[in-house]
Amino acid sequence: LAKEDGTEAFNSEDLGEALEIFEENVGDMDHIFLRVAKKDKGNCCSIILRGASEMMTEEIERSIHDSLCVLKRTLESGFVVAGGGAVEAAVSVFLNRYAEGMASKE
């Protein structure tokens, strides 16, 4: 994960191990499965990306990386700043409620 100075690092203690990794055809698609020991179930999280092209897969990886960085910062700070049109949506709701309380269209 990304640190505050922009570098990336992880602790080797956070890594798990798999008993088996295999690819299996399910329906029309091939899926990659990781088999872990019973003691590790619930502690294992893997994200395996597939895309139509290498460029698409790289873009998906960047998006997931950005999302994980946001999640890390949110968990560290305990704060969330609304974005992505949240302010505009809140103003719209406020104005609609205010307009409903008015007698005319002034």
Protein backbone atom coordinates (compact mmCIF):
# COMPACT_ATOMS: atom_id res chain seq x y z
CA LEU A 1 0.00 0.00 0.00
CA ALA A 2 1.03 3.58 -0.55
CA LYS A 3 2.66 5.56 2.21
CA GLU A 4 2.33 9.31 2.84
CA ASP A 5 5.56 10.05 0.98
CA GLY A 6 4.26 8.28 -2.15
CA THR A 7 6.33 5.12 -1.83
CA GLU A 8 4.75 1.70 -1.59
CA ALA A 9 5.51 -0.99 0.95
CA PHE A 10 3.99 -3.92 2.77
CA ASN A 11 4.92 -6.11 5.71
CA SER A 12 5.84 -9.68 4.88
CA GLU A 13 3.87 -10.73 7.97
CA ASP A 14 0.71 -9.59 6.16
CA LEU A 15 1.25 -12.10 3.36
CA GLY A 16 -0.44 -15.47 3.45
CA GLU A 17 0.20 -18.73 1.69
CA ALA A 18 -1.90 -20.95 -0.50
CA LEU A 19 -1.94 -24.74 -0.44
CA GLU A 20 -2.87 -24.81 -4.10
CA ILE A 21 -3.53 -22.42 -6.98
CA PHE A 22 -5.35 -23.80 -9.99
CA GLU A 23 -7.33 -22.70 -13.03
CA GLU A 24 -10.66 -24.32 -13.77
CA ASN A 25 -13.24 -23.83 -16.50
CA VAL A 26 -16.62 -22.89 -15.01
CA GLY A 27 -19.30 -22.28 -17.61
CA ASP A 28 -17.80 -20.28 -20.45
CA MET A 29 -14.96 -18.77 -18.47
CA ASP A 30 -11.73 -19.89 -16.89
CA HIS A 31 -11.39 -18.99 -13.20
CA ILE A 32 -8.33 -19.04 -10.98
CA PHE A 33 -8.86 -20.55 -7.53
CA LEU A 34 -6.70 -20.34 -4.42
CA ARG A 35 -7.01 -23.08 -1.82
CA VAL A 36 -5.93 -22.02 1.66
CA ALA A 37 -5.58 -23.89 4.94
CA LYS A 38 -8.64 -23.88 7.22
CA LYS A 39 -6.80 -21.81 9.82
CA ASP A 40 -6.30 -19.04 7.22
CA LYS A 41 -9.88 -18.85 5.94
CA GLY A 42 -11.27 -15.40 6.44
CA ASN A 43 -7.77 -13.90 6.49
CA CYS A 44 -7.11 -14.37 2.79
CA CYS A 45 -7.88 -11.76 0.16
CA SER A 46 -6.69 -11.95 -3.42
CA ILE A 47 -7.64 -9.85 -6.38
CA ILE A 48 -7.00 -11.41 -9.75
CA LEU A 49 -7.55 -9.13 -12.72
CA ARG A 50 -8.54 -10.05 -16.25
CA GLY A 51 -9.23 -7.74 -19.13
CA ALA A 52 -9.76 -7.78 -22.86
CA SER A 53 -6.28 -6.34 -23.36
CA GLU A 54 -3.16 -5.62 -21.37
CA MET A 55 -3.95 -1.90 -21.44
CA MET A 56 -7.42 -2.51 -19.97
CA THR A 57 -5.98 -4.76 -17.27
CA GLU A 58 -3.41 -2.08 -16.36
CA GLU A 59 -6.18 0.53 -16.12
CA ILE A 60 -8.21 -1.77 -13.85
CA GLU A 61 -5.12 -2.29 -11.68
CA ARG A 62 -4.59 1.48 -11.37
CA SER A 63 -8.24 1.99 -10.42
CA ILE A 64 -8.11 -0.70 -7.74
CA HIS A 65 -4.82 0.70 -6.44
CA ASP A 66 -6.37 4.17 -6.14
CA SER A 67 -9.41 2.71 -4.37
CA LEU A 68 -7.25 0.81 -1.88
CA CYS A 69 -5.24 3.98 -1.17
CA VAL A 70 -8.45 5.91 -0.48
CA LEU A 71 -9.65 3.13 1.81
CA LYS A 72 -6.31 3.10 3.67
CA ARG A 73 -6.37 6.87 4.18
CA THR A 74 -9.99 6.76 5.33
CA LEU A 75 -9.28 4.03 7.88
CA GLU A 76 -6.17 5.84 9.13
CA SER A 77 -7.79 9.25 9.53
CA GLY A 78 -11.36 8.24 10.36
CA PHE A 79 -12.70 11.03 8.12
CA VAL A 80 -14.41 11.10 4.73
CA VAL A 81 -14.67 14.20 2.56
CA ALA A 82 -17.70 14.14 0.30
CA GLY A 83 -16.89 14.42 -3.39
CA GLY A 84 -18.03 13.33 -6.84
CA GLY A 85 -20.98 15.75 -6.97
CA ALA A 86 -22.07 15.20 -3.36
CA VAL A 87 -22.22 18.94 -2.64
CA GLU A 88 -24.29 19.62 -5.77
CA ALA A 89 -26.69 16.79 -4.87
CA ALA A 90 -27.10 18.11 -1.31
CA VAL A 91 -27.79 21.65 -2.58
CA SER A 92 -30.35 20.27 -5.03
CA VAL A 93 -32.19 18.39 -2.26
CA PHE A 94 -32.11 21.49 -0.03
CA LEU A 95 -33.46 23.77 -2.79
CA ASN A 96 -36.22 21.30 -3.72
CA ARG A 97 -37.37 21.13 -0.09
CA TYR A 98 -37.17 24.90 0.23
CA ALA A 99 -39.16 25.38 -3.00
CA GLU A 100 -41.90 23.01 -1.83
CA GLY A 101 -42.48 25.29 1.18
CA MET A 102 -43.01 28.39 -0.96
CA ALA A 103 -46.49 29.55 -1.95
CA SER A 104 -45.53 30.79 -5.42
CA LYS A 105 -42.83 30.27 -8.06
CA GLU A 106 -40.97 33.50 -7.17
